[in-house]
Amino acid sequence: GGGQMDVMSLLLTALQQQLGVKLESRKD
């Protein structure tokens, strides 16, 4: 019941909370 998490949001959350790595979307 925590909501529908897609692969992207699951991966982004795990990376930030466990590794302290934040992904930022930008045009490069």
mmCIF file of all heavy atoms, coordinates in Angstrom:
data_MODEL
# 
_entry.id   MODEL 
# 
loop_
_atom_site.group_PDB 
_atom_site.id 
_atom_site.type_symbol 
_atom_site.label_atom_id 
_atom_site.label_alt_id 
_atom_site.label_comp_id 
_atom_site.label_asym_id 
_atom_site.label_entity_id 
_atom_site.label_seq_id 
_atom_site.pdbx_PDB_ins_code 
_atom_site.Cartn_x 
_atom_site.Cartn_y 
_atom_site.Cartn_z 
_atom_site.occupancy 
_atom_site.B_iso_or_equiv 
_atom_site.pdbx_formal_charge 
_atom_site.auth_seq_id 
_atom_site.auth_comp_id 
_atom_site.auth_asym_id 
_atom_site.auth_atom_id 
_atom_site.pdbx_PDB_model_num 
ATOM 1   N N   . GLY A 1 1  ? 0.799  -1.216 0.000   1.00 0.00 ? 1  GLY A N   1 
ATOM 2   C CA  . GLY A 1 1  ? 0.000  0.000  0.000   1.00 0.00 ? 1  GLY A CA  1 
ATOM 3   C C   . GLY A 1 1  ? 0.832  1.266  0.000   1.00 0.00 ? 1  GLY A C   1 
ATOM 4   O O   . GLY A 1 1  ? 0.312  2.339  0.214   1.00 0.00 ? 1  GLY A O   1 
ATOM 5   N N   . GLY A 1 2  ? 2.128  1.124  -0.204  1.00 0.00 ? 2  GLY A N   1 
ATOM 6   C CA  . GLY A 1 2  ? 2.995  2.289  -0.209  1.00 0.00 ? 2  GLY A CA  1 
ATOM 7   C C   . GLY A 1 2  ? 2.959  3.037  -1.523  1.00 0.00 ? 2  GLY A C   1 
ATOM 8   O O   . GLY A 1 2  ? 3.705  3.970  -1.724  1.00 0.00 ? 2  GLY A O   1 
ATOM 9   N N   . GLY A 1 3  ? 2.119  2.613  -2.410  1.00 0.00 ? 3  GLY A N   1 
ATOM 10  C CA  . GLY A 1 3  ? 2.030  3.276  -3.710  1.00 0.00 ? 3  GLY A CA  1 
ATOM 11  C C   . GLY A 1 3  ? 2.768  2.497  -4.780  1.00 0.00 ? 3  GLY A C   1 
ATOM 12  O O   . GLY A 1 3  ? 3.588  1.649  -4.497  1.00 0.00 ? 3  GLY A O   1 
ATOM 13  N N   . GLN A 1 4  ? 2.422  2.770  -5.986  1.00 0.00 ? 4  GLN A N   1 
ATOM 14  C CA  . GLN A 1 4  ? 3.046  2.100  -7.124  1.00 0.00 ? 4  GLN A CA  1 
ATOM 15  C C   . GLN A 1 4  ? 4.371  2.779  -7.421  1.00 0.00 ? 4  GLN A C   1 
ATOM 16  O O   . GLN A 1 4  ? 4.403  3.917  -7.842  1.00 0.00 ? 4  GLN A O   1 
ATOM 17  C CB  . GLN A 1 4  ? 2.108  2.164  -8.344  1.00 0.00 ? 4  GLN A CB  1 
ATOM 18  C CG  . GLN A 1 4  ? 2.627  1.432  -9.555  1.00 0.00 ? 4  GLN A CG  1 
ATOM 19  C CD  . GLN A 1 4  ? 2.648  -0.072 -9.352  1.00 0.00 ? 4  GLN A CD  1 
ATOM 20  O OE1 . GLN A 1 4  ? 1.984  -0.599 -8.483  1.00 0.00 ? 4  GLN A OE1 1 
ATOM 21  N NE2 . GLN A 1 4  ? 3.412  -0.751 -10.180 1.00 0.00 ? 4  GLN A NE2 1 
ATOM 22  N N   . MET A 1 5  ? 5.468  2.079  -7.179  1.00 0.00 ? 5  MET A N   1 
ATOM 23  C CA  . MET A 1 5  ? 6.789  2.632  -7.468  1.00 0.00 ? 5  MET A CA  1 
ATOM 24  C C   . MET A 1 5  ? 7.319  1.982  -8.731  1.00 0.00 ? 5  MET A C   1 
ATOM 25  O O   . MET A 1 5  ? 7.380  0.766  -8.824  1.00 0.00 ? 5  MET A O   1 
ATOM 26  C CB  . MET A 1 5  ? 7.762  2.370  -6.315  1.00 0.00 ? 5  MET A CB  1 
ATOM 27  C CG  . MET A 1 5  ? 7.416  3.098  -5.036  1.00 0.00 ? 5  MET A CG  1 
ATOM 28  S SD  . MET A 1 5  ? 8.672  2.836  -3.774  1.00 0.00 ? 5  MET A SD  1 
ATOM 29  C CE  . MET A 1 5  ? 9.959  3.903  -4.352  1.00 0.00 ? 5  MET A CE  1 
ATOM 30  N N   . ASP A 1 6  ? 7.687  2.779  -9.691  1.00 0.00 ? 6  ASP A N   1 
ATOM 31  C CA  . ASP A 1 6  ? 8.300  2.222  -10.875 1.00 0.00 ? 6  ASP A CA  1 
ATOM 32  C C   . ASP A 1 6  ? 9.783  1.997  -10.596 1.00 0.00 ? 6  ASP A C   1 
ATOM 33  O O   . ASP A 1 6  ? 10.306 2.381  -9.551  1.00 0.00 ? 6  ASP A O   1 
ATOM 34  C CB  . ASP A 1 6  ? 8.068  3.110  -12.088 1.00 0.00 ? 6  ASP A CB  1 
ATOM 35  C CG  . ASP A 1 6  ? 8.642  4.505  -11.923 1.00 0.00 ? 6  ASP A CG  1 
ATOM 36  O OD1 . ASP A 1 6  ? 9.311  4.770  -10.914 1.00 0.00 ? 6  ASP A OD1 1 
ATOM 37  O OD2 . ASP A 1 6  ? 8.414  5.339  -12.806 1.00 0.00 ? 6  ASP A OD2 1 
ATOM 38  N N   . VAL A 1 7  ? 10.456 1.360  -11.510 1.00 0.00 ? 7  VAL A N   1 
ATOM 39  C CA  . VAL A 1 7  ? 11.866 1.024  -11.344 1.00 0.00 ? 7  VAL A CA  1 
ATOM 40  C C   . VAL A 1 7  ? 12.708 2.276  -11.142 1.00 0.00 ? 7  VAL A C   1 
ATOM 41  O O   . VAL A 1 7  ? 13.612 2.300  -10.302 1.00 0.00 ? 7  VAL A O   1 
ATOM 42  C CB  . VAL A 1 7  ? 12.380 0.218  -12.560 1.00 0.00 ? 7  VAL A CB  1 
ATOM 43  C CG1 . VAL A 1 7  ? 13.870 -0.007 -12.473 1.00 0.00 ? 7  VAL A CG1 1 
ATOM 44  C CG2 . VAL A 1 7  ? 11.648 -1.104 -12.667 1.00 0.00 ? 7  VAL A CG2 1 
ATOM 45  N N   . MET A 1 8  ? 12.404 3.330  -11.877 1.00 0.00 ? 8  MET A N   1 
ATOM 46  C CA  . MET A 1 8  ? 13.202 4.543  -11.783 1.00 0.00 ? 8  MET A CA  1 
ATOM 47  C C   . MET A 1 8  ? 13.106 5.166  -10.386 1.00 0.00 ? 8  MET A C   1 
ATOM 48  O O   . MET A 1 8  ? 14.123 5.468  -9.779  1.00 0.00 ? 8  MET A O   1 
ATOM 49  C CB  . MET A 1 8  ? 12.785 5.577  -12.830 1.00 0.00 ? 8  MET A CB  1 
ATOM 50  C CG  . MET A 1 8  ? 13.671 6.813  -12.806 1.00 0.00 ? 8  MET A CG  1 
ATOM 51  S SD  . MET A 1 8  ? 13.201 8.105  -13.954 1.00 0.00 ? 8  MET A SD  1 
ATOM 52  C CE  . MET A 1 8  ? 13.408 7.311  -15.509 1.00 0.00 ? 8  MET A CE  1 
ATOM 53  N N   . SER A 1 9  ? 11.920 5.357  -9.875  1.00 0.00 ? 9  SER A N   1 
ATOM 54  C CA  . SER A 1 9  ? 11.788 5.990  -8.566  1.00 0.00 ? 9  SER A CA  1 
ATOM 55  C C   . SER A 1 9  ? 12.354 5.105  -7.467  1.00 0.00 ? 9  SER A C   1 
ATOM 56  O O   . SER A 1 9  ? 12.947 5.601  -6.512  1.00 0.00 ? 9  SER A O   1 
ATOM 57  C CB  . SER A 1 9  ? 10.333 6.361  -8.283  1.00 0.00 ? 9  SER A CB  1 
ATOM 58  O OG  . SER A 1 9  ? 9.520  5.226  -8.289  1.00 0.00 ? 9  SER A OG  1 
ATOM 59  N N   . LEU A 1 10 ? 12.205 3.784  -7.599  1.00 0.00 ? 10 LEU A N   1 
ATOM 60  C CA  . LEU A 1 10 ? 12.771 2.851  -6.631  1.00 0.00 ? 10 LEU A CA  1 
ATOM 61  C C   . LEU A 1 10 ? 14.292 2.961  -6.613  1.00 0.00 ? 10 LEU A C   1 
ATOM 62  O O   . LEU A 1 10 ? 14.910 3.076  -5.557  1.00 0.00 ? 10 LEU A O   1 
ATOM 63  C CB  . LEU A 1 10 ? 12.353 1.421  -6.991  1.00 0.00 ? 10 LEU A CB  1 
ATOM 64  C CG  . LEU A 1 10 ? 12.810 0.366  -6.020  1.00 0.00 ? 10 LEU A CG  1 
ATOM 65  C CD1 . LEU A 1 10 ? 11.601 -0.432 -5.559  1.00 0.00 ? 10 LEU A CD1 1 
ATOM 66  C CD2 . LEU A 1 10 ? 13.795 -0.554 -6.692  1.00 0.00 ? 10 LEU A CD2 1 
ATOM 67  N N   . LEU A 1 11 ? 14.900 2.993  -7.778  1.00 0.00 ? 11 LEU A N   1 
ATOM 68  C CA  . LEU A 1 11 ? 16.348 3.091  -7.888  1.00 0.00 ? 11 LEU A CA  1 
ATOM 69  C C   . LEU A 1 11 ? 16.858 4.439  -7.385  1.00 0.00 ? 11 LEU A C   1 
ATOM 70  O O   . LEU A 1 11 ? 17.843 4.514  -6.654  1.00 0.00 ? 11 LEU A O   1 
ATOM 71  C CB  . LEU A 1 11 ? 16.776 2.872  -9.340  1.00 0.00 ? 11 LEU A CB  1 
ATOM 72  C CG  . LEU A 1 11 ? 18.268 2.809  -9.622  1.00 0.00 ? 11 LEU A CG  1 
ATOM 73  C CD1 . LEU A 1 11 ? 18.943 1.738  -8.795  1.00 0.00 ? 11 LEU A CD1 1 
ATOM 74  C CD2 . LEU A 1 11 ? 18.515 2.561  -11.098 1.00 0.00 ? 11 LEU A CD2 1 
ATOM 75  N N   . LEU A 1 12 ? 16.172 5.513  -7.735  1.00 0.00 ? 12 LEU A N   1 
ATOM 76  C CA  . LEU A 1 12 ? 16.583 6.842  -7.286  1.00 0.00 ? 12 LEU A CA  1 
ATOM 77  C C   . LEU A 1 12 ? 16.518 6.965  -5.765  1.00 0.00 ? 12 LEU A C   1 
ATOM 78  O O   . LEU A 1 12 ? 17.421 7.523  -5.137  1.00 0.00 ? 12 LEU A O   1 
ATOM 79  C CB  . LEU A 1 12 ? 15.715 7.917  -7.938  1.00 0.00 ? 12 LEU A CB  1 
ATOM 80  C CG  . LEU A 1 12 ? 15.844 8.068  -9.450  1.00 0.00 ? 12 LEU A CG  1 
ATOM 81  C CD1 . LEU A 1 12 ? 14.852 9.090  -9.965  1.00 0.00 ? 12 LEU A CD1 1 
ATOM 82  C CD2 . LEU A 1 12 ? 17.249 8.422  -9.852  1.00 0.00 ? 12 LEU A CD2 1 
ATOM 83  N N   . THR A 1 13 ? 15.464 6.439  -5.172  1.00 0.00 ? 13 THR A N   1 
ATOM 84  C CA  . THR A 1 13 ? 15.306 6.493  -3.722  1.00 0.00 ? 13 THR A CA  1 
ATOM 85  C C   . THR A 1 13 ? 16.377 5.669  -3.025  1.00 0.00 ? 13 THR A C   1 
ATOM 86  O O   . THR A 1 13 ? 16.997 6.123  -2.065  1.00 0.00 ? 13 THR A O   1 
ATOM 87  C CB  . THR A 1 13 ? 13.910 5.985  -3.309  1.00 0.00 ? 13 THR A CB  1 
ATOM 88  O OG1 . THR A 1 13 ? 12.918 6.757  -3.975  1.00 0.00 ? 13 THR A OG1 1 
ATOM 89  C CG2 . THR A 1 13 ? 13.704 6.075  -1.812  1.00 0.00 ? 13 THR A CG2 1 
ATOM 90  N N   . ALA A 1 14 ? 16.622 4.458  -3.504  1.00 0.00 ? 14 ALA A N   1 
ATOM 91  C CA  . ALA A 1 14 ? 17.632 3.591  -2.897  1.00 0.00 ? 14 ALA A CA  1 
ATOM 92  C C   . ALA A 1 14 ? 19.026 4.195  -3.022  1.00 0.00 ? 14 ALA A C   1 
ATOM 93  O O   . ALA A 1 14 ? 19.810 4.162  -2.069  1.00 0.00 ? 14 ALA A O   1 
ATOM 94  C CB  . ALA A 1 14 ? 17.589 2.210  -3.550  1.00 0.00 ? 14 ALA A CB  1 
ATOM 95  N N   . LEU A 1 15 ? 19.346 4.753  -4.169  1.00 0.00 ? 15 LEU A N   1 
ATOM 96  C CA  . LEU A 1 15 ? 20.665 5.361  -4.360  1.00 0.00 ? 15 LEU A CA  1 
ATOM 97  C C   . LEU A 1 15 ? 20.884 6.519  -3.401  1.00 0.00 ? 15 LEU A C   1 
ATOM 98  O O   . LEU A 1 15 ? 21.951 6.650  -2.791  1.00 0.00 ? 15 LEU A O   1 
ATOM 99  C CB  . LEU A 1 15 ? 20.823 5.859  -5.797  1.00 0.00 ? 15 LEU A CB  1 
ATOM 100 C CG  . LEU A 1 15 ? 21.120 4.812  -6.854  1.00 0.00 ? 15 LEU A CG  1 
ATOM 101 C CD1 . LEU A 1 15 ? 21.005 5.416  -8.241  1.00 0.00 ? 15 LEU A CD1 1 
ATOM 102 C CD2 . LEU A 1 15 ? 22.495 4.219  -6.646  1.00 0.00 ? 15 LEU A CD2 1 
ATOM 103 N N   . GLN A 1 16 ? 19.882 7.356  -3.235  1.00 0.00 ? 16 GLN A N   1 
ATOM 104 C CA  . GLN A 1 16 ? 20.038 8.529  -2.388  1.00 0.00 ? 16 GLN A CA  1 
ATOM 105 C C   . GLN A 1 16 ? 20.081 8.153  -0.907  1.00 0.00 ? 16 GLN A C   1 
ATOM 106 O O   . GLN A 1 16 ? 20.925 8.646  -0.167  1.00 0.00 ? 16 GLN A O   1 
ATOM 107 C CB  . GLN A 1 16 ? 18.933 9.540  -2.646  1.00 0.00 ? 16 GLN A CB  1 
ATOM 108 C CG  . GLN A 1 16 ? 19.204 10.856 -1.934  1.00 0.00 ? 16 GLN A CG  1 
ATOM 109 C CD  . GLN A 1 16 ? 18.355 11.985 -2.489  1.00 0.00 ? 16 GLN A CD  1 
ATOM 110 O OE1 . GLN A 1 16 ? 17.529 11.780 -3.362  1.00 0.00 ? 16 GLN A OE1 1 
ATOM 111 N NE2 . GLN A 1 16 ? 18.569 13.170 -1.987  1.00 0.00 ? 16 GLN A NE2 1 
ATOM 112 N N   . GLN A 1 17 ? 19.209 7.260  -0.469  1.00 0.00 ? 17 GLN A N   1 
ATOM 113 C CA  . GLN A 1 17 ? 19.146 6.928  0.947   1.00 0.00 ? 17 GLN A CA  1 
ATOM 114 C C   . GLN A 1 17 ? 20.289 6.035  1.403   1.00 0.00 ? 17 GLN A C   1 
ATOM 115 O O   . GLN A 1 17 ? 20.783 6.180  2.515   1.00 0.00 ? 17 GLN A O   1 
ATOM 116 C CB  . GLN A 1 17 ? 17.810 6.273  1.275   1.00 0.00 ? 17 GLN A CB  1 
ATOM 117 C CG  . GLN A 1 17 ? 16.657 7.244  1.201   1.00 0.00 ? 17 GLN A CG  1 
ATOM 118 C CD  . GLN A 1 17 ? 15.332 6.613  1.576   1.00 0.00 ? 17 GLN A CD  1 
ATOM 119 O OE1 . GLN A 1 17 ? 15.241 5.401  1.780   1.00 0.00 ? 17 GLN A OE1 1 
ATOM 120 N NE2 . GLN A 1 17 ? 14.294 7.424  1.668   1.00 0.00 ? 17 GLN A NE2 1 
ATOM 121 N N   . GLN A 1 18 ? 20.721 5.100  0.560   1.00 0.00 ? 18 GLN A N   1 
ATOM 122 C CA  . GLN A 1 18 ? 21.740 4.145  0.984   1.00 0.00 ? 18 GLN A CA  1 
ATOM 123 C C   . GLN A 1 18 ? 23.159 4.567  0.627   1.00 0.00 ? 18 GLN A C   1 
ATOM 124 O O   . GLN A 1 18 ? 24.093 4.270  1.361   1.00 0.00 ? 18 GLN A O   1 
ATOM 125 C CB  . GLN A 1 18 ? 21.453 2.771  0.388   1.00 0.00 ? 18 GLN A CB  1 
ATOM 126 C CG  . GLN A 1 18 ? 20.191 2.158  0.928   1.00 0.00 ? 18 GLN A CG  1 
ATOM 127 C CD  . GLN A 1 18 ? 19.916 0.799  0.341   1.00 0.00 ? 18 GLN A CD  1 
ATOM 128 O OE1 . GLN A 1 18 ? 20.831 0.054  0.011   1.00 0.00 ? 18 GLN A OE1 1 
ATOM 129 N NE2 . GLN A 1 18 ? 18.649 0.470  0.198   1.00 0.00 ? 18 GLN A NE2 1 
ATOM 130 N N   . LEU A 1 19 ? 23.329 5.221  -0.499  1.00 0.00 ? 19 LEU A N   1 
ATOM 131 C CA  . LEU A 1 19 ? 24.675 5.581  -0.945  1.00 0.00 ? 19 LEU A CA  1 
ATOM 132 C C   . LEU A 1 19 ? 24.956 7.075  -0.870  1.00 0.00 ? 19 LEU A C   1 
ATOM 133 O O   . LEU A 1 19 ? 26.095 7.499  -1.011  1.00 0.00 ? 19 LEU A O   1 
ATOM 134 C CB  . LEU A 1 19 ? 24.901 5.105  -2.389  1.00 0.00 ? 19 LEU A CB  1 
ATOM 135 C CG  . LEU A 1 19 ? 24.737 3.609  -2.650  1.00 0.00 ? 19 LEU A CG  1 
ATOM 136 C CD1 . LEU A 1 19 ? 24.966 3.312  -4.116  1.00 0.00 ? 19 LEU A CD1 1 
ATOM 137 C CD2 . LEU A 1 19 ? 25.687 2.804  -1.782  1.00 0.00 ? 19 LEU A CD2 1 
ATOM 138 N N   . GLY A 1 20 ? 23.916 7.876  -0.679  1.00 0.00 ? 20 GLY A N   1 
ATOM 139 C CA  . GLY A 1 20 ? 24.104 9.319  -0.664  1.00 0.00 ? 20 GLY A CA  1 
ATOM 140 C C   . GLY A 1 20 ? 24.379 9.886  -2.037  1.00 0.00 ? 20 GLY A C   1 
ATOM 141 O O   . GLY A 1 20 ? 24.931 10.962 -2.182  1.00 0.00 ? 20 GLY A O   1 
ATOM 142 N N   . VAL A 1 21 ? 23.969 9.154  -3.063  1.00 0.00 ? 21 VAL A N   1 
ATOM 143 C CA  . VAL A 1 21 ? 24.173 9.577  -4.455  1.00 0.00 ? 21 VAL A CA  1 
ATOM 144 C C   . VAL A 1 21 ? 22.859 10.125 -4.977  1.00 0.00 ? 21 VAL A C   1 
ATOM 145 O O   . VAL A 1 21 ? 21.833 9.451  -4.945  1.00 0.00 ? 21 VAL A O   1 
ATOM 146 C CB  . VAL A 1 21 ? 24.638 8.390  -5.338  1.00 0.00 ? 21 VAL A CB  1 
ATOM 147 C CG1 . VAL A 1 21 ? 24.738 8.798  -6.781  1.00 0.00 ? 21 VAL A CG1 1 
ATOM 148 C CG2 . VAL A 1 21 ? 25.969 7.860  -4.838  1.00 0.00 ? 21 VAL A CG2 1 
ATOM 149 N N   . LYS A 1 22 ? 22.886 11.353 -5.456  1.00 0.00 ? 22 LYS A N   1 
ATOM 150 C CA  . LYS A 1 22 ? 21.676 11.970 -5.989  1.00 0.00 ? 22 LYS A CA  1 
ATOM 151 C C   . LYS A 1 22 ? 21.824 12.112 -7.502  1.00 0.00 ? 22 LYS A C   1 
ATOM 152 O O   . LYS A 1 22 ? 22.818 12.637 -8.000  1.00 0.00 ? 22 LYS A O   1 
ATOM 153 C CB  . LYS A 1 22 ? 21.460 13.340 -5.366  1.00 0.00 ? 22 LYS A CB  1 
ATOM 154 C CG  . LYS A 1 22 ? 20.194 14.009 -5.822  1.00 0.00 ? 22 LYS A CG  1 
ATOM 155 C CD  . LYS A 1 22 ? 20.000 15.336 -5.122  1.00 0.00 ? 22 LYS A CD  1 
ATOM 156 C CE  . LYS A 1 22 ? 18.720 15.986 -5.583  1.00 0.00 ? 22 LYS A CE  1 
ATOM 157 N NZ  . LYS A 1 22 ? 18.552 17.314 -4.979  1.00 0.00 ? 22 LYS A NZ  1 
ATOM 158 N N   . LEU A 1 23 ? 20.831 11.646 -8.207  1.00 0.00 ? 23 LEU A N   1 
ATOM 159 C CA  . LEU A 1 23 ? 20.829 11.795 -9.661  1.00 0.00 ? 23 LEU A CA  1 
ATOM 160 C C   . LEU A 1 23 ? 20.048 13.045 -10.017 1.00 0.00 ? 23 LEU A C   1 
ATOM 161 O O   . LEU A 1 23 ? 18.939 13.242 -9.542  1.00 0.00 ? 23 LEU A O   1 
ATOM 162 C CB  . LEU A 1 23 ? 20.202 10.574 -10.339 1.00 0.00 ? 23 LEU A CB  1 
ATOM 163 C CG  . LEU A 1 23 ? 20.918 9.252  -10.127 1.00 0.00 ? 23 LEU A CG  1 
ATOM 164 C CD1 . LEU A 1 23 ? 20.174 8.157  -10.877 1.00 0.00 ? 23 LEU A CD1 1 
ATOM 165 C CD2 . LEU A 1 23 ? 22.346 9.318  -10.584 1.00 0.00 ? 23 LEU A CD2 1 
ATOM 166 N N   . GLU A 1 24 ? 20.649 13.870 -10.841 1.00 0.00 ? 24 GLU A N   1 
ATOM 167 C CA  . GLU A 1 24 ? 19.992 15.090 -11.297 1.00 0.00 ? 24 GLU A CA  1 
ATOM 168 C C   . GLU A 1 24 ? 19.790 15.008 -12.796 1.00 0.00 ? 24 GLU A C   1 
ATOM 169 O O   . GLU A 1 24 ? 20.711 14.684 -13.530 1.00 0.00 ? 24 GLU A O   1 
ATOM 170 C CB  . GLU A 1 24 ? 20.851 16.315 -10.973 1.00 0.00 ? 24 GLU A CB  1 
ATOM 171 C CG  . GLU A 1 24 ? 21.041 16.551 -9.503  1.00 0.00 ? 24 GLU A CG  1 
ATOM 172 C CD  . GLU A 1 24 ? 21.939 17.738 -9.219  1.00 0.00 ? 24 GLU A CD  1 
ATOM 173 O OE1 . GLU A 1 24 ? 22.557 18.265 -10.166 1.00 0.00 ? 24 GLU A OE1 1 
ATOM 174 O OE2 . GLU A 1 24 ? 22.017 18.129 -8.051  1.00 0.00 ? 24 GLU A OE2 1 
ATOM 175 N N   . SER A 1 25 ? 18.588 15.313 -13.220 1.00 0.00 ? 25 SER A N   1 
ATOM 176 C CA  . SER A 1 25 ? 18.293 15.316 -14.644 1.00 0.00 ? 25 SER A CA  1 
ATOM 177 C C   . SER A 1 25 ? 18.715 16.662 -15.229 1.00 0.00 ? 25 SER A C   1 
ATOM 178 O O   . SER A 1 25 ? 18.345 17.718 -14.716 1.00 0.00 ? 25 SER A O   1 
ATOM 179 C CB  . SER A 1 25 ? 16.795 15.099 -14.864 1.00 0.00 ? 25 SER A CB  1 
ATOM 180 O OG  . SER A 1 25 ? 16.522 15.095 -16.241 1.00 0.00 ? 25 SER A OG  1 
ATOM 181 N N   . ARG A 1 26 ? 19.495 16.599 -16.271 1.00 0.00 ? 26 ARG A N   1 
ATOM 182 C CA  . ARG A 1 26 ? 19.903 17.826 -16.958 1.00 0.00 ? 26 ARG A CA  1 
ATOM 183 C C   . ARG A 1 26 ? 20.289 17.491 -18.384 1.00 0.00 ? 26 ARG A C   1 
ATOM 184 O O   . ARG A 1 26 ? 20.608 16.351 -18.717 1.00 0.00 ? 26 ARG A O   1 
ATOM 185 C CB  . ARG A 1 26 ? 21.042 18.517 -16.240 1.00 0.00 ? 26 ARG A CB  1 
ATOM 186 C CG  . ARG A 1 26 ? 22.310 17.695 -16.178 1.00 0.00 ? 26 ARG A CG  1 
ATOM 187 C CD  . ARG A 1 26 ? 23.383 18.483 -15.483 1.00 0.00 ? 26 ARG A CD  1 
ATOM 188 N NE  . ARG A 1 26 ? 24.457 17.582 -15.101 1.00 0.00 ? 26 ARG A NE  1 
ATOM 189 C CZ  . ARG A 1 26 ? 25.626 17.967 -14.708 1.00 0.00 ? 26 ARG A CZ  1 
ATOM 190 N NH1 . ARG A 1 26 ? 25.898 19.245 -14.623 1.00 0.00 ? 26 ARG A NH1 1 
ATOM 191 N NH2 . ARG A 1 26 ? 26.538 17.116 -14.362 1.00 0.00 ? 26 ARG A NH2 1 
ATOM 192 N N   . LYS A 1 27 ? 20.243 18.511 -19.193 1.00 0.00 ? 27 LYS A N   1 
ATOM 193 C CA  . LYS A 1 27 ? 20.643 18.339 -20.584 1.00 0.00 ? 27 LYS A CA  1 
ATOM 194 C C   . LYS A 1 27 ? 22.144 18.592 -20.662 1.00 0.00 ? 27 LYS A C   1 
ATOM 195 O O   . LYS A 1 27 ? 22.633 19.609 -20.189 1.00 0.00 ? 27 LYS A O   1 
ATOM 196 C CB  . LYS A 1 27 ? 19.892 19.284 -21.493 1.00 0.00 ? 27 LYS A CB  1 
ATOM 197 C CG  . LYS A 1 27 ? 18.429 18.951 -21.541 1.00 0.00 ? 27 LYS A CG  1 
ATOM 198 C CD  . LYS A 1 27 ? 17.719 19.762 -22.570 1.00 0.00 ? 27 LYS A CD  1 
ATOM 199 C CE  . LYS A 1 27 ? 16.254 19.365 -22.505 1.00 0.00 ? 27 LYS A CE  1 
ATOM 200 N NZ  . LYS A 1 27 ? 15.660 19.235 -23.768 1.00 0.00 ? 27 LYS A NZ  1 
ATOM 201 N N   . ASP A 1 28 ? 22.836 17.649 -21.238 1.00 0.00 ? 28 ASP A N   1 
ATOM 202 C CA  . ASP A 1 28 ? 24.279 17.749 -21.358 1.00 0.00 ? 28 ASP A CA  1 
ATOM 203 C C   . ASP A 1 28 ? 24.676 17.136 -22.690 1.00 0.00 ? 28 ASP A C   1 
ATOM 204 O O   . ASP A 1 28 ? 23.944 16.331 -23.261 1.00 0.00 ? 28 ASP A O   1 
ATOM 205 C CB  . ASP A 1 28 ? 24.954 17.005 -20.208 1.00 0.00 ? 28 ASP A CB  1 
ATOM 206 C CG  . ASP A 1 28 ? 26.379 17.469 -19.967 1.00 0.00 ? 28 ASP A CG  1 
ATOM 207 O OD1 . ASP A 1 28 ? 26.858 18.340 -20.717 1.00 0.00 ? 28 ASP A OD1 1 
ATOM 208 O OD2 . ASP A 1 28 ? 27.009 16.961 -19.023 1.00 0.00 ? 28 ASP A OD2 1 
# 
